[in-house]
Amino acid sequence: MRNRASVMVALATTMAALGGCVTVSAPDKPIVINLNINIKQEVVYRLDGKAKEVIDENAEIF
């Protein structure tokens, strides 16, 4: 038990000594993230026979 306690004390001392060595600072330049995204979309539609006739008859509306 005594050996374990001395190891714990040494570990705590080492952690306390190294605790001040870490510094965090903001970068000077902005962070840039390049995303190359390719999106393809296909639209499939089917018309009712009567709807197709109405569109063909009134092509100037559409």
C-alpha atoms as a PDB file:
ATOM      1  CA  MET A   1       0.000   0.000   0.000  1.00  0.00           C
ATOM      2  CA  ARG A   2       2.825   2.384   0.805  1.00  0.00           C
ATOM      3  CA  ASN A   3       4.387   1.895  -2.646  1.00  0.00           C
ATOM      4  CA  ARG A   4       1.031   2.538  -4.310  1.00  0.00           C
ATOM      5  CA  ALA A   5       0.555   5.761  -2.356  1.00  0.00           C
ATOM      6  CA  SER A   6       3.989   7.038  -3.342  1.00  0.00           C
ATOM      7  CA  VAL A   7       3.237   6.304  -6.999  1.00  0.00           C
ATOM      8  CA  MET A   8      -0.020   8.253  -6.696  1.00  0.00           C
ATOM      9  CA  VAL A   9       1.769  11.213  -5.108  1.00  0.00           C
ATOM     10  CA  ALA A  10       4.427  11.174  -7.842  1.00  0.00           C
ATOM     11  CA  LEU A  11       1.749  10.999 -10.522  1.00  0.00           C
ATOM     12  CA  ALA A  12      -0.192  13.895  -8.973  1.00  0.00           C
ATOM     13  CA  THR A  13       2.974  15.990  -8.752  1.00  0.00           C
ATOM     14  CA  THR A  14       3.839  15.277 -12.383  1.00  0.00           C
ATOM     15  CA  MET A  15       0.321  16.140 -13.529  1.00  0.00           C
ATOM     16  CA  ALA A  16       0.409  19.417 -11.597  1.00  0.00           C
ATOM     17  CA  ALA A  17       3.777  20.325 -13.117  1.00  0.00           C
ATOM     18  CA  LEU A  18       2.652  19.565 -16.667  1.00  0.00           C
ATOM     19  CA  GLY A  19      -0.745  21.189 -16.267  1.00  0.00           C
ATOM     20  CA  GLY A  20       0.561  24.665 -17.095  1.00  0.00           C
ATOM     21  CA  CYS A  21       2.379  23.579 -20.264  1.00  0.00           C
ATOM     22  CA  VAL A  22      -0.704  23.361 -22.472  1.00  0.00           C
ATOM     23  CA  THR A  23      -1.845  26.576 -24.166  1.00  0.00           C
ATOM     24  CA  VAL A  24      -4.750  27.041 -26.547  1.00  0.00           C
ATOM     25  CA  SER A  25      -5.004  29.997 -28.895  1.00  0.00           C
ATOM     26  CA  ALA A  26      -7.210  30.969 -31.832  1.00  0.00           C
ATOM     27  CA  PRO A  27      -5.687  30.625 -35.311  1.00  0.00           C
ATOM     28  CA  ASP A  28      -4.509  33.749 -37.142  1.00  0.00           C
ATOM     29  CA  LYS A  29      -6.226  32.775 -40.407  1.00  0.00           C
ATOM     30  CA  PRO A  30      -9.839  31.647 -40.775  1.00  0.00           C
ATOM     31  CA  ILE A  31     -10.548  27.956 -41.112  1.00  0.00           C
ATOM     32  CA  VAL A  32     -11.525  27.072 -44.692  1.00  0.00           C
ATOM     33  CA  ILE A  33     -13.516  23.949 -45.502  1.00  0.00           C
ATOM     34  CA  ASN A  34     -13.873  23.060 -49.183  1.00  0.00           C
ATOM     35  CA  LEU A  35     -16.814  20.822 -49.940  1.00  0.00           C
ATOM     36  CA  ASN A  36     -17.148  19.506 -53.465  1.00  0.00           C
ATOM     37  CA  ILE A  37     -20.702  18.257 -53.609  1.00  0.00           C
ATOM     38  CA  ASN A  38     -22.394  17.094 -56.776  1.00  0.00           C
ATOM     39  CA  ILE A  39     -26.158  16.806 -56.554  1.00  0.00           C
ATOM     40  CA  LYS A  40     -28.152  15.305 -59.383  1.00  0.00           C
ATOM     41  CA  GLN A  41     -31.891  15.140 -59.446  1.00  0.00           C
ATOM     42  CA  GLU A  42     -34.145  13.408 -61.901  1.00  0.00           C
ATOM     43  CA  VAL A  43     -37.797  14.262 -62.140  1.00  0.00           C
ATOM     44  CA  VAL A  44     -40.013  11.603 -63.636  1.00  0.00           C
ATOM     45  CA  TYR A  45     -43.591  12.463 -64.404  1.00  0.00           C
ATOM     46  CA  ARG A  46     -46.466  10.781 -66.178  1.00  0.00           C
ATOM     47  CA  LEU A  47     -49.502  12.536 -67.512  1.00  0.00           C
ATOM     48  CA  ASP A  48     -52.979  11.181 -67.760  1.00  0.00           C
ATOM     49  CA  GLY A  49     -54.110  10.853 -71.367  1.00  0.00           C
ATOM     50  CA  LYS A  50     -56.805  13.528 -70.941  1.00  0.00           C
ATOM     51  CA  ALA A  51     -54.338  15.930 -69.249  1.00  0.00           C
ATOM     52  CA  LYS A  52     -51.893  15.460 -72.119  1.00  0.00           C
ATOM     53  CA  GLU A  53     -54.637  16.285 -74.648  1.00  0.00           C
ATOM     54  CA  VAL A  54     -55.549  19.451 -72.731  1.00  0.00           C
ATOM     55  CA  ILE A  55     -51.905  20.565 -72.653  1.00  0.00           C
ATOM     56  CA  ASP A  56     -51.498  19.861 -76.380  1.00  0.00           C
ATOM     57  CA  GLU A  57     -54.674  21.816 -77.162  1.00  0.00           C
ATOM     58  CA  ASN A  58     -53.628  24.777 -74.982  1.00  0.00           C
ATOM     59  CA  ALA A  59     -49.874  24.851 -75.589  1.00  0.00           C
ATOM     60  CA  GLU A  60     -49.768  28.661 -75.349  1.00  0.00           C
ATOM     61  CA  ILE A  61     -50.845  28.517 -71.692  1.00  0.00           C
ATOM     62  CA  PHE A  62     -48.043  26.189 -70.703  1.00  0.00           C
END
